[in-house]
PDB file of N, CA and C in Angstrom:
ATOM      1  N   UNK A   1     -11.261  12.817  80.998  1.00  0.00           N
ATOM      2  CA  UNK A   1     -10.102  12.839  80.180  1.00  0.00           C
ATOM      3  C   UNK A   1     -10.106  11.670  79.213  1.00  0.00           C
ATOM      4  N   UNK A   2     -10.589  10.610  79.602  1.00  0.00           N
ATOM      5  CA  UNK A   2     -10.687   9.413  78.789  1.00  0.00           C
ATOM      6  C   UNK A   2     -11.539   9.697  77.560  1.00  0.00           C
ATOM      7  N   UNK A   3     -12.614  10.358  77.717  1.00  0.00           N
ATOM      8  CA  UNK A   3     -13.527  10.648  76.614  1.00  0.00           C
ATOM      9  C   UNK A   3     -12.853  11.618  75.654  1.00  0.00           C
ATOM     10  N   UNK A   4     -12.140  12.534  76.176  1.00  0.00           N
ATOM     11  CA  UNK A   4     -11.467  13.518  75.350  1.00  0.00           C
ATOM     12  C   UNK A   4     -10.406  12.859  74.478  1.00  0.00           C
ATOM     13  N   UNK A   5      -9.640  11.941  75.009  1.00  0.00           N
ATOM     14  CA  UNK A   5      -8.620  11.272  74.206  1.00  0.00           C
ATOM     15  C   UNK A   5      -9.268  10.346  73.181  1.00  0.00           C
ATOM     16  N   UNK A   6     -10.445   9.779  73.479  1.00  0.00           N
ATOM     17  CA  UNK A   6     -11.185   8.948  72.526  1.00  0.00           C
ATOM     18  C   UNK A   6     -11.697   9.800  71.380  1.00  0.00           C
ATOM     19  N   UNK A   7     -12.197  10.987  71.761  1.00  0.00           N
ATOM     20  CA  UNK A   7     -12.672  11.919  70.727  1.00  0.00           C
ATOM     21  C   UNK A   7     -11.503  12.373  69.854  1.00  0.00           C
ATOM     22  N   UNK A   8     -10.389  12.584  70.506  1.00  0.00           N
ATOM     23  CA  UNK A   8      -9.190  13.002  69.775  1.00  0.00           C
ATOM     24  C   UNK A   8      -8.757  11.910  68.790  1.00  0.00           C
ATOM     25  N   UNK A   9      -8.844  10.654  69.196  1.00  0.00           N
ATOM     26  CA  UNK A   9      -8.496   9.521  68.330  1.00  0.00           C
ATOM     27  C   UNK A   9      -9.434   9.436  67.141  1.00  0.00           C
ATOM     28  N   UNK A  10     -10.714   9.661  67.388  1.00  0.00           N
ATOM     29  CA  UNK A  10     -11.703   9.619  66.297  1.00  0.00           C
ATOM     30  C   UNK A  10     -11.421  10.761  65.322  1.00  0.00           C
ATOM     31  N   UNK A  11     -11.127  11.939  65.860  1.00  0.00           N
ATOM     32  CA  UNK A  11     -10.817  13.081  65.008  1.00  0.00           C
ATOM     33  C   UNK A  11      -9.580  12.805  64.147  1.00  0.00           C
ATOM     34  N   UNK A  12      -8.586  12.181  64.764  1.00  0.00           N
ATOM     35  CA  UNK A  12      -7.378  11.845  64.017  1.00  0.00           C
ATOM     36  C   UNK A  12      -7.674  10.800  62.946  1.00  0.00           C
ATOM     37  N   UNK A  13      -8.524   9.821  63.287  1.00  0.00           N
ATOM     38  CA  UNK A  13      -8.921   8.815  62.302  1.00  0.00           C
ATOM     39  C   UNK A  13      -9.673   9.455  61.128  1.00  0.00           C
ATOM     40  N   UNK A  14     -10.588  10.361  61.422  1.00  0.00           N
ATOM     41  CA  UNK A  14     -11.329  11.053  60.362  1.00  0.00           C
ATOM     42  C   UNK A  14     -10.384  11.886  59.489  1.00  0.00           C
ATOM     43  N   UNK A  15      -9.435  12.532  60.120  1.00  0.00           N
ATOM     44  CA  UNK A  15      -8.464  13.330  59.378  1.00  0.00           C
ATOM     45  C   UNK A  15      -7.598  12.419  58.500  1.00  0.00           C
ATOM     46  N   UNK A  16      -7.193  11.275  59.023  1.00  0.00           N
ATOM     47  CA  UNK A  16      -6.391  10.328  58.261  1.00  0.00           C
ATOM     48  C   UNK A  16      -7.198   9.781  57.082  1.00  0.00           C
ATOM     49  N   UNK A  17      -8.498   9.523  57.344  1.00  0.00           N
ATOM     50  CA  UNK A  17      -9.366   9.031  56.275  1.00  0.00           C
ATOM     51  C   UNK A  17      -9.494  10.077  55.167  1.00  0.00           C
ATOM     52  N   UNK A  18      -9.634  11.334  55.557  1.00  0.00           N
ATOM     53  CA  UNK A  18      -9.715  12.401  54.555  1.00  0.00           C
ATOM     54  C   UNK A  18      -8.409  12.518  53.776  1.00  0.00           C
ATOM     55  N   UNK A  19      -7.284  12.397  54.484  1.00  0.00           N
ATOM     56  CA  UNK A  19      -5.987  12.432  53.800  1.00  0.00           C
ATOM     57  C   UNK A  19      -5.856  11.271  52.815  1.00  0.00           C
ATOM     58  N   UNK A  20      -6.268  10.090  53.250  1.00  0.00           N
ATOM     59  CA  UNK A  20      -6.206   8.910  52.386  1.00  0.00           C
ATOM     60  C   UNK A  20      -7.101   9.100  51.161  1.00  0.00           C
ATOM     61  N   UNK A  21      -8.283   9.660  51.387  1.00  0.00           N
ATOM     62  CA  UNK A  21      -9.209   9.912  50.271  1.00  0.00           C
ATOM     63  C   UNK A  21      -8.603  10.913  49.292  1.00  0.00           C
ATOM     64  N   UNK A  22      -7.924  11.921  49.810  1.00  0.00           N
ATOM     65  CA  UNK A  22      -7.272  12.909  48.944  1.00  0.00           C
ATOM     66  C   UNK A  22      -6.150  12.255  48.142  1.00  0.00           C
ATOM     67  N   UNK A  23      -5.387  11.373  48.787  1.00  0.00           N
ATOM     68  CA  UNK A  23      -4.308  10.668  48.094  1.00  0.00           C
ATOM     69  C   UNK A  23      -4.881   9.777  46.993  1.00  0.00           C
ATOM     70  N   UNK A  24      -5.961   9.047  47.295  1.00  0.00           N
ATOM     71  CA  UNK A  24      -6.598   8.160  46.308  1.00  0.00           C
ATOM     72  C   UNK A  24      -7.147   8.984  45.144  1.00  0.00           C
ATOM     73  N   UNK A  25      -7.770  10.107  45.455  1.00  0.00           N
ATOM     74  CA  UNK A  25      -8.321  10.976  44.405  1.00  0.00           C
ATOM     75  C   UNK A  25      -7.203  11.504  43.509  1.00  0.00           C
ATOM     76  N   UNK A  26      -6.099  11.925  44.132  1.00  0.00           N
ATOM     77  CA  UNK A  26      -4.959  12.425  43.358  1.00  0.00           C
ATOM     78  C   UNK A  26      -4.368  11.316  42.489  1.00  0.00           C
ATOM     79  N   UNK A  27      -4.288  10.108  43.033  1.00  0.00           N
ATOM     80  CA  UNK A  27      -3.755   8.981  42.273  1.00  0.00           C
ATOM     81  C   UNK A  27      -4.665   8.652  41.085  1.00  0.00           C
ATOM     82  N   UNK A  28      -5.975   8.683  41.295  1.00  0.00           N
ATOM     83  CA  UNK A  28      -6.920   8.416  40.198  1.00  0.00           C
ATOM     84  C   UNK A  28      -6.795   9.477  39.115  1.00  0.00           C
ATOM     85  N   UNK A  29      -6.664  10.735  39.549  1.00  0.00           N
ATOM     86  CA  UNK A  29      -6.521  11.814  38.580  1.00  0.00           C
ATOM     87  C   UNK A  29      -5.216  11.658  37.801  1.00  0.00           C
ATOM     88  N   UNK A  30      -4.133  11.310  38.491  1.00  0.00           N
ATOM     89  CA  UNK A  30      -2.843  11.110  37.827  1.00  0.00           C
ATOM     90  C   UNK A  30      -2.928   9.951  36.832  1.00  0.00           C
ATOM     91  N   UNK A  31      -3.627   8.885  37.228  1.00  0.00           N
ATOM     92  CA  UNK A  31      -3.792   7.728  36.348  1.00  0.00           C
ATOM     93  C   UNK A  31      -4.596   8.111  35.103  1.00  0.00           C
ATOM     94  N   UNK A  32      -5.678   8.860  35.304  1.00  0.00           N
ATOM     95  CA  UNK A  32      -6.497   9.302  34.169  1.00  0.00           C
ATOM     96  C   UNK A  32      -5.688  10.201  33.242  1.00  0.00           C
ATOM     97  N   UNK A  33      -4.867  11.088  33.830  1.00  0.00           N
ATOM     98  CA  UNK A  33      -4.025  11.962  33.020  1.00  0.00           C
ATOM     99  C   UNK A  33      -3.007  11.160  32.216  1.00  0.00           C
ATOM    100  N   UNK A  34      -2.396  10.148  32.841  1.00  0.00           N
ATOM    101  CA  UNK A  34      -1.423   9.307  32.138  1.00  0.00           C
ATOM    102  C   UNK A  34      -2.094   8.536  31.002  1.00  0.00           C
ATOM    103  N   UNK A  35      -3.290   8.013  31.267  1.00  0.00           N
ATOM    104  CA  UNK A  35      -4.020   7.285  30.216  1.00  0.00           C
ATOM    105  C   UNK A  35      -4.359   8.210  29.048  1.00  0.00           C
ATOM    106  N   UNK A  36      -4.782   9.441  29.367  1.00  0.00           N
ATOM    107  CA  UNK A  36      -5.109  10.403  28.323  1.00  0.00           C
ATOM    108  C   UNK A  36      -3.859  10.739  27.507  1.00  0.00           C
ATOM    109  N   UNK A  37      -2.738  10.942  28.182  1.00  0.00           N
ATOM    110  CA  UNK A  37      -1.483  11.245  27.502  1.00  0.00           C
ATOM    111  C   UNK A  37      -1.047  10.068  26.632  1.00  0.00           C
ATOM    112  N   UNK A  38      -1.176   8.847  27.163  1.00  0.00           N
ATOM    113  CA  UNK A  38      -0.788   7.655  26.397  1.00  0.00           C
ATOM    114  C   UNK A  38      -1.667   7.506  25.154  1.00  0.00           C
ATOM    115  N   UNK A  39      -2.950   7.806  25.299  1.00  0.00           N
ATOM    116  CA  UNK A  39      -3.867   7.718  24.163  1.00  0.00           C
ATOM    117  C   UNK A  39      -3.482   8.741  23.093  1.00  0.00           C
ATOM    118  N   UNK A  40      -3.152   9.955  23.514  1.00  0.00           N
ATOM    119  CA  UNK A  40      -2.737  10.984  22.561  1.00  0.00           C
ATOM    120  C   UNK A  40      -1.447  10.588  21.843  1.00  0.00           C
ATOM    121  N   UNK A  41      -0.491  10.043  22.584  1.00  0.00           N
ATOM    122  CA  UNK A  41       0.758   9.600  21.966  1.00  0.00           C
ATOM    123  C   UNK A  41       0.507   8.470  20.968  1.00  0.00           C
ATOM    124  N   UNK A  42      -0.366   7.538  21.360  1.00  0.00           N
ATOM    125  CA  UNK A  42      -0.691   6.424  20.461  1.00  0.00           C
ATOM    126  C   UNK A  42      -1.356   6.941  19.190  1.00  0.00           C
ATOM    127  N   UNK A  43      -2.254   7.916  19.334  1.00  0.00           N
ATOM    128  CA  UNK A  43      -2.916   8.478  18.160  1.00  0.00           C
ATOM    129  C   UNK A  43      -1.905   9.183  17.252  1.00  0.00           C
ATOM    130  N   UNK A  44      -0.929   9.877  17.839  1.00  0.00           N
ATOM    131  CA  UNK A  44       0.105  10.531  17.030  1.00  0.00           C
ATOM    132  C   UNK A  44       0.941   9.484  16.296  1.00  0.00           C
ATOM    133  N   UNK A  45       1.301   8.407  16.986  1.00  0.00           N
ATOM    134  CA  UNK A  45       2.089   7.343  16.358  1.00  0.00           C
ATOM    135  C   UNK A  45       1.310   6.681  15.228  1.00  0.00           C
ATOM    136  N   UNK A  46       0.028   6.448  15.468  1.00  0.00           N
ATOM    137  CA  UNK A  46      -0.817   5.835  14.433  1.00  0.00           C
ATOM    138  C   UNK A  46      -0.910   6.754  13.230  1.00  0.00           C
ATOM    139  N   UNK A  47      -1.092   8.048  13.483  1.00  0.00           N
ATOM    140  CA  UNK A  47      -1.186   9.013  12.395  1.00  0.00           C
ATOM    141  C   UNK A  47       0.114   9.055  11.595  1.00  0.00           C
ATOM    142  N   UNK A  48       1.251   9.056  12.295  1.00  0.00           N
ATOM    143  CA  UNK A  48       2.556   9.073  11.618  1.00  0.00           C
ATOM    144  C   UNK A  48       2.750   7.793  10.811  1.00  0.00           C
ATOM    145  N   UNK A  49       2.364   6.645  11.369  1.00  0.00           N
ATOM    146  CA  UNK A  49       2.502   5.367  10.672  1.00  0.00           C
ATOM    147  C   UNK A  49       1.629   5.346   9.416  1.00  0.00           C
ATOM    148  N   UNK A  50       0.390   5.837   9.545  1.00  0.00           N
ATOM    149  CA  UNK A  50      -0.498   5.882   8.376  1.00  0.00           C
ATOM    150  C   UNK A  50       0.081   6.776   7.291  1.00  0.00           C
ATOM    151  N   UNK A  51       0.621   7.926   7.696  1.00  0.00           N
ATOM    152  CA  UNK A  51       1.211   8.844   6.718  1.00  0.00           C
ATOM    153  C   UNK A  51       2.399   8.184   6.018  1.00  0.00           C
ATOM    154  N   UNK A  52       3.217   7.470   6.783  1.00  0.00           N
ATOM    155  CA  UNK A  52       4.374   6.785   6.206  1.00  0.00           C
ATOM    156  C   UNK A  52       3.924   5.725   5.204  1.00  0.00           C
ATOM    157  N   UNK A  53       2.944   4.918   5.595  1.00  0.00           N
ATOM    158  CA  UNK A  53       2.456   3.862   4.702  1.00  0.00           C
ATOM    159  C   UNK A  53       1.800   4.448   3.451  1.00  0.00           C
ATOM    160  N   UNK A  54       1.065   5.549   3.614  1.00  0.00           N
ATOM    161  CA  UNK A  54       0.431   6.191   2.473  1.00  0.00           C
ATOM    162  C   UNK A  54       1.492   6.716   1.508  1.00  0.00           C
ATOM    163  N   UNK A  55       2.562   7.293   2.051  1.00  0.00           N
ATOM    164  CA  UNK A  55       3.662   7.789   1.224  1.00  0.00           C
ATOM    165  C   UNK A  55       4.311   6.644   0.456  1.00  0.00           C
ATOM    166  N   UNK A  56       4.550   5.517   1.141  1.00  0.00           N
ATOM    167  CA  UNK A  56       5.133   4.352   0.474  1.00  0.00           C
ATOM    168  C   UNK A  56       4.209   3.849  -0.629  1.00  0.00           C
ATOM    169  N   UNK A  57       2.911   3.826  -0.343  1.00  0.00           N
ATOM    170  CA  UNK A  57       1.930   3.352  -1.322  1.00  0.00           C
ATOM    171  C   UNK A  57       1.916   4.261  -2.546  1.00  0.00           C
ATOM    172  N   UNK A  58       1.882   5.580  -2.325  1.00  0.00           N
ATOM    173  CA  UNK A  58       1.861   6.518  -3.434  1.00  0.00           C
ATOM    174  C   UNK A  58       3.140   6.412  -4.267  1.00  0.00           C
ATOM    175  N   UNK A  59       4.278   6.223  -3.588  1.00  0.00           N
ATOM    176  CA  UNK A  59       5.543   6.068  -4.302  1.00  0.00           C
ATOM    177  C   UNK A  59       5.509   4.803  -5.150  1.00  0.00           C
ATOM    178  N   UNK A  60       4.992   3.744  -4.585  1.00  0.00           N
ATOM    179  CA  UNK A  60       4.904   2.478  -5.316  1.00  0.00           C
ATOM    180  C   UNK A  60       3.991   2.613  -6.532  1.00  0.00           C
ATOM    181  N   UNK A  61       2.885   3.319  -6.354  1.00  0.00           N
ATOM    182  CA  UNK A  61       1.962   3.518  -7.477  1.00  0.00           C
ATOM    183  C   UNK A  61       2.653   4.318  -8.581  1.00  0.00           C
ATOM    184  N   UNK A  62       3.359   5.386  -8.192  1.00  0.00           N
ATOM    185  CA  UNK A  62       4.034   6.196  -9.215  1.00  0.00           C
ATOM    186  C   UNK A  62       5.145   5.403  -9.889  1.00  0.00           C
ATOM    187  N   UNK A  63       5.865   4.578  -9.125  1.00  0.00           N
ATOM    188  CA  UNK A  63       6.905   3.736  -9.715  1.00  0.00           C
ATOM    189  C   UNK A  63       6.306   2.727 -10.685  1.00  0.00           C
ATOM    190  N   UNK A  64       5.179   2.134 -10.290  1.00  0.00           N
ATOM    191  CA  UNK A  64       4.516   1.152 -11.153  1.00  0.00           C
ATOM    192  C   UNK A  64       4.025   1.811 -12.434  1.00  0.00           C
ATOM    193  N   UNK A  65       3.457   3.012 -12.316  1.00  0.00           N
ATOM    194  CA  UNK A  65       2.948   3.666 -13.520  1.00  0.00           C
ATOM    195  C   UNK A  65       4.106   4.068 -14.426  1.00  0.00           C
ATOM    196  N   UNK A  66       5.220   4.474 -13.835  1.00  0.00           N
ATOM    197  CA  UNK A  66       6.395   4.819 -14.641  1.00  0.00           C
ATOM    198  C   UNK A  66       6.933   3.585 -15.343  1.00  0.00           C
ATOM    199  N   UNK A  67       7.054   2.497 -14.599  1.00  0.00           N
ATOM    200  CA  UNK A  67       7.591   1.275 -15.202  1.00  0.00           C
ATOM    201  C   UNK A  67       6.621   0.690 -16.217  1.00  0.00           C
ATOM    202  N   UNK A  68       5.318   0.809 -15.973  1.00  0.00           N
ATOM    203  CA  UNK A  68       4.366   0.294 -16.956  1.00  0.00           C
ATOM    204  C   UNK A  68       4.395   1.146 -18.207  1.00  0.00           C
ATOM    205  N   UNK A  69       4.620   2.459 -18.061  1.00  0.00           N
ATOM    206  CA  UNK A  69       4.774   3.316 -19.228  1.00  0.00           C
ATOM    207  C   UNK A  69       6.003   2.927 -20.032  1.00  0.00           C
ATOM    208  N   UNK A  70       7.077   2.605 -19.332  1.00  0.00           N
ATOM    209  CA  UNK A  70       8.299   2.165 -20.004  1.00  0.00           C
ATOM    210  C   UNK A  70       8.060   0.830 -20.706  1.00  0.00           C
ATOM    211  N   UNK A  71       7.306  -0.045 -20.050  1.00  0.00           N
ATOM    212  CA  UNK A  71       6.990  -1.341 -20.669  1.00  0.00           C
ATOM    213  C   UNK A  71       6.158  -1.155 -21.933  1.00  0.00           C
ATOM    214  N   UNK A  72       5.211  -0.231 -21.887  1.00  0.00           N
ATOM    215  CA  UNK A  72       4.375   0.029 -23.062  1.00  0.00           C
ATOM    216  C   UNK A  72       5.244   0.525 -24.210  1.00  0.00           C
ATOM    217  N   UNK A  73       6.143   1.455 -23.917  1.00  0.00           N
ATOM    218  CA  UNK A  73       7.026   1.980 -24.963  1.00  0.00           C
ATOM    219  C   UNK A  73       7.926   0.879 -25.523  1.00  0.00           C
ATOM    220  N   UNK A  74       8.447   0.036 -24.637  1.00  0.00           N
ATOM    221  CA  UNK A  74       9.314  -1.058 -25.079  1.00  0.00           C
ATOM    222  C   UNK A  74       8.530  -2.013 -25.975  1.00  0.00           C
ATOM    223  N   UNK A  75       7.317  -2.372 -25.554  1.00  0.00           N
ATOM    224  CA  UNK A  75       6.500  -3.283 -26.349  1.00  0.00           C
ATOM    225  C   UNK A  75       6.127  -2.670 -27.698  1.00  0.00           C
ATOM    226  N   UNK A  76       5.836  -1.374 -27.701  1.00  0.00           N
ATOM    227  CA  UNK A  76       5.512  -0.713 -28.972  1.00  0.00           C
ATOM    228  C   UNK A  76       6.702  -0.742 -29.916  1.00  0.00           C
ATOM    229  N   UNK A  77       7.892  -0.478 -29.414  1.00  0.00           N
ATOM    230  CA  UNK A  77       9.075  -0.495 -30.286  1.00  0.00           C
ATOM    231  C   UNK A  77       9.371  -1.911 -30.770  1.00  0.00           C
ATOM    232  N   UNK A  78       9.205  -2.908 -29.895  1.00  0.00           N
ATOM    233  CA  UNK A  78       9.409  -4.298 -30.318  1.00  0.00           C
ATOM    234  C   UNK A  78       8.388  -4.684 -31.385  1.00  0.00           C
ATOM    235  N   UNK A  79       7.140  -4.259 -31.197  1.00  0.00           N
ATOM    236  CA  UNK A  79       6.093  -4.570 -32.175  1.00  0.00           C
ATOM    237  C   UNK A  79       6.393  -3.913 -33.517  1.00  0.00           C
ATOM    238  N   UNK A  80       6.829  -2.659 -33.471  1.00  0.00           N
ATOM    239  CA  UNK A  80       7.163  -1.953 -34.719  1.00  0.00           C
ATOM    240  C   UNK A  80       8.316  -2.656 -35.434  1.00  0.00           C
ATOM    241  N   UNK A  81       9.311  -3.097 -34.688  1.00  0.00           N
ATOM    242  CA  UNK A  81      10.443  -3.802 -35.297  1.00  0.00           C
ATOM    243  C   UNK A  81       9.981  -5.121 -35.921  1.00  0.00           C
ATOM    244  N   UNK A  82       9.100  -5.835 -35.233  1.00  0.00           N
ATOM    245  CA  UNK A  82       8.590  -7.104 -35.756  1.00  0.00           C
ATOM    246  C   UNK A  82       7.784  -6.875 -37.033  1.00  0.00           C
ATOM    247  N   UNK A  83       6.957  -5.828 -37.036  1.00  0.00           N
ATOM    248  CA  UNK A  83       6.157  -5.510 -38.230  1.00  0.00           C
ATOM    249  C   UNK A  83       7.077  -5.182 -39.404  1.00  0.00           C
ATOM    250  N   UNK A  84       8.132  -4.412 -39.179  1.00  0.00           N
ATOM    251  CA  UNK A  84       9.079  -4.086 -40.251  1.00  0.00           C
ATOM    252  C   UNK A  84       9.747  -5.341 -40.796  1.00  0.00           C
ATOM    253  N   UNK A  85      10.118  -6.256 -39.899  1.00  0.00           N
ATOM    254  CA  UNK A  85      10.745  -7.506 -40.333  1.00  0.00           C
ATOM    255  C   UNK A  85       9.785  -8.317 -41.199  1.00  0.00           C
ATOM    256  N   UNK A  86       8.538  -8.382 -40.786  1.00  0.00           N
ATOM    257  CA  UNK A  86       7.529  -9.132 -41.551  1.00  0.00           C
ATOM    258  C   UNK A  86       7.302  -8.478 -42.908  1.00  0.00           C
ATOM    259  N   UNK A  87       7.220  -7.136 -42.939  1.00  0.00           N
ATOM    260  CA  UNK A  87       7.021  -6.436 -44.202  1.00  0.00           C
ATOM    261  C   UNK A  87       8.192  -6.661 -45.160  1.00  0.00           C
ATOM    262  N   UNK A  88       9.423  -6.668 -44.647  1.00  0.00           N
ATOM    263  CA  UNK A  88      10.593  -6.943 -45.483  1.00  0.00           C
ATOM    264  C   UNK A  88      10.523  -8.356 -46.040  1.00  0.00           C
ATOM    265  N   UNK A  89      10.112  -9.299 -45.173  1.00  0.00           N
ATOM    266  CA  UNK A  89      10.007 -10.690 -45.615  1.00  0.00           C
ATOM    267  C   UNK A  89       8.951 -10.822 -46.712  1.00  0.00           C
ATOM    268  N   UNK A  90       7.840 -10.129 -46.558  1.00  0.00           N
ATOM    269  CA  UNK A  90       6.776 -10.169 -47.569  1.00  0.00           C
ATOM    270  C   UNK A  90       7.279  -9.580 -48.877  1.00  0.00           C
ATOM    271  N   UNK A  91       7.959  -8.457 -48.774  1.00  0.00           N
ATOM    272  CA  UNK A  91       8.451  -7.799 -49.995  1.00  0.00           C
ATOM    273  C   UNK A  91       9.459  -8.672 -50.730  1.00  0.00           C
ATOM    274  N   UNK A  92      10.316  -9.350 -49.986  1.00  0.00           N
ATOM    275  CA  UNK A  92      11.335 -10.170 -50.643  1.00  0.00           C
ATOM    276  C   UNK A  92      10.753 -11.446 -51.240  1.00  0.00           C
ATOM    277  N   UNK A  93       9.682 -11.975 -50.704  1.00  0.00           N
ATOM    278  CA  UNK A  93       9.130 -13.241 -51.205  1.00  0.00           C
ATOM    279  C   UNK A  93       7.891 -13.047 -52.057  1.00  0.00           C
ATOM    280  N   UNK A  94       7.427 -11.809 -52.191  1.00  0.00           N
ATOM    281  CA  UNK A  94       6.190 -11.544 -52.918  1.00  0.00           C
ATOM    282  C   UNK A  94       6.283 -11.995 -54.385  1.00  0.00           C
ATOM    283  N   UNK A  95       7.360 -11.632 -55.038  1.00  0.00           N
ATOM    284  CA  UNK A  95       7.534 -11.981 -56.459  1.00  0.00           C
ATOM    285  C   UNK A  95       7.552 -13.492 -56.645  1.00  0.00           C
ATOM    286  N   UNK A  96       8.282 -14.162 -55.773  1.00  0.00           N
ATOM    287  CA  UNK A  96       8.397 -15.624 -55.867  1.00  0.00           C
ATOM    288  C   UNK A  96       7.033 -16.293 -55.664  1.00  0.00           C
ATOM    289  N   UNK A  97       6.267 -15.812 -54.713  1.00  0.00           N
ATOM    290  CA  UNK A  97       4.952 -16.401 -54.425  1.00  0.00           C
ATOM    291  C   UNK A  97       3.994 -16.146 -55.579  1.00  0.00           C
ATOM    292  N   UNK A  98       4.012 -14.936 -56.144  1.00  0.00           N
ATOM    293  CA  UNK A  98       3.132 -14.622 -57.270  1.00  0.00           C
ATOM    294  C   UNK A  98       3.473 -15.512 -58.471  1.00  0.00           C
ATOM    295  N   UNK A  99       4.764 -15.676 -58.755  1.00  0.00           N
ATOM    296  CA  UNK A  99       5.178 -16.525 -59.870  1.00  0.00           C
ATOM    297  C   UNK A  99       4.740 -17.967 -59.664  1.00  0.00           C
ATOM    298  N   UNK A 100       4.886 -18.464 -58.439  1.00  0.00           N
ATOM    299  CA  UNK A 100       4.483 -19.845 -58.160  1.00  0.00           C
ATOM    300  C   UNK A 100       2.984 -20.009 -58.332  1.00  0.00           C
ATOM    301  N   UNK A 101       2.206 -19.052 -57.858  1.00  0.00           N
ATOM    302  CA  UNK A 101       0.746 -19.128 -58.010  1.00  0.00           C
ATOM    303  C   UNK A 101       0.344 -19.079 -59.489  1.00  0.00           C
ATOM    304  N   UNK A 102       0.963 -18.186 -60.247  1.00  0.00           N
ATOM    305  CA  UNK A 102       0.648 -18.094 -61.680  1.00  0.00           C
ATOM    306  C   UNK A 102       1.008 -19.383 -62.401  1.00  0.00           C
ATOM    307  N   UNK A 103       2.110 -19.963 -62.022  1.00  0.00           N
ATOM    308  CA  UNK A 103       2.516 -21.228 -62.655  1.00  0.00           C
ATOM    309  C   UNK A 103       1.478 -22.309 -62.408  1.00  0.00           C
ATOM    310  N   UNK A 104       0.992 -22.408 -61.173  1.00  0.00           N
ATOM    311  CA  UNK A 104      -0.009 -23.434 -60.886  1.00  0.00           C
ATOM    312  C   UNK A 104      -1.341 -23.136 -61.549  1.00  0.00           C
ATOM    313  N   UNK A 105      -1.692 -21.877 -61.701  1.00  0.00           N
ATOM    314  CA  UNK A 105      -2.972 -21.514 -62.297  1.00  0.00           C
ATOM    315  C   UNK A 105      -2.941 -21.703 -63.813  1.00  0.00           C
ATOM    316  N   UNK A 106      -1.834 -21.337 -64.420  1.00  0.00           N
ATOM    317  CA  UNK A 106      -1.770 -21.404 -65.882  1.00  0.00           C
ATOM    318  C   UNK A 106      -1.358 -22.764 -66.413  1.00  0.00           C
ATOM    319  N   UNK A 107      -0.778 -23.559 -65.638  1.00  0.00           N
ATOM    320  CA  UNK A 107      -0.341 -24.888 -66.084  1.00  0.00           C
ATOM    321  C   UNK A 107      -1.567 -25.785 -66.187  1.00  0.00           C
ATOM    322  N   UNK A 108      -1.698 -26.368 -67.352  1.00  0.00           N
ATOM    323  CA  UNK A 108      -2.803 -27.279 -67.587  1.00  0.00           C
ATOM    324  C   UNK A 108      -2.287 -28.676 -67.416  1.00  0.00           C
ATOM    325  N   UNK A 109      -2.969 -29.353 -66.600  1.00  0.00           N
ATOM    326  CA  UNK A 109      -2.568 -30.746 -66.419  1.00  0.00           C
ATOM    327  C   UNK A 109      -3.776 -31.624 -66.688  1.00  0.00           C
ATOM    328  N   UNK A 110      -3.516 -32.694 -67.381  1.00  0.00           N
ATOM    329  CA  UNK A 110      -4.585 -33.625 -67.687  1.00  0.00           C
ATOM    330  C   UNK A 110      -4.467 -34.816 -66.756  1.00  0.00           C
ATOM    331  N   UNK A 111      -5.578 -35.283 -66.385  1.00  0.00           N
ATOM    332  CA  UNK A 111      -5.504 -36.454 -65.513  1.00  0.00           C
ATOM    333  C   UNK A 111      -4.929 -37.645 -66.254  1.00  0.00           C
ATOM    334  N   UNK A 112      -4.165 -38.409 -65.594  1.00  0.00           N
ATOM    335  CA  UNK A 112      -3.579 -39.590 -66.198  1.00  0.00           C
ATOM    336  C   UNK A 112      -4.596 -40.707 -66.202  1.00  0.00           C
ATOM    337  N   UNK A 113      -4.551 -41.467 -67.302  1.00  0.00           N
ATOM    338  CA  UNK A 113      -5.483 -42.586 -67.426  1.00  0.00           C
ATOM    339  C   UNK A 113      -4.795 -43.886 -67.319  1.00  0.00           C
TER     340      UNK A 113
END
């Protein structure tokens, strides 16, 4: 009877070891599944973040090109206004400058002795 109860104890130990191994295997599988799920979630978050940043970048580029186009138009109009002002100034002083030049060219001056 002693041997039988010893054998029974060994059988119970082997069964407990198998149960423990099954629990460890299940825990490892659950851990691997959680890691895989976490990796997938992280990849989705990264993808969403990249899409958001790309959208912000594209918006900024379009805003910059719009504002630079507006700046070009503003500078062109300012330049045109400046050119008109200069042309008016030339037209108003042209006669006076021509007369002054003719006076200096036609006036004969003799050196003083």
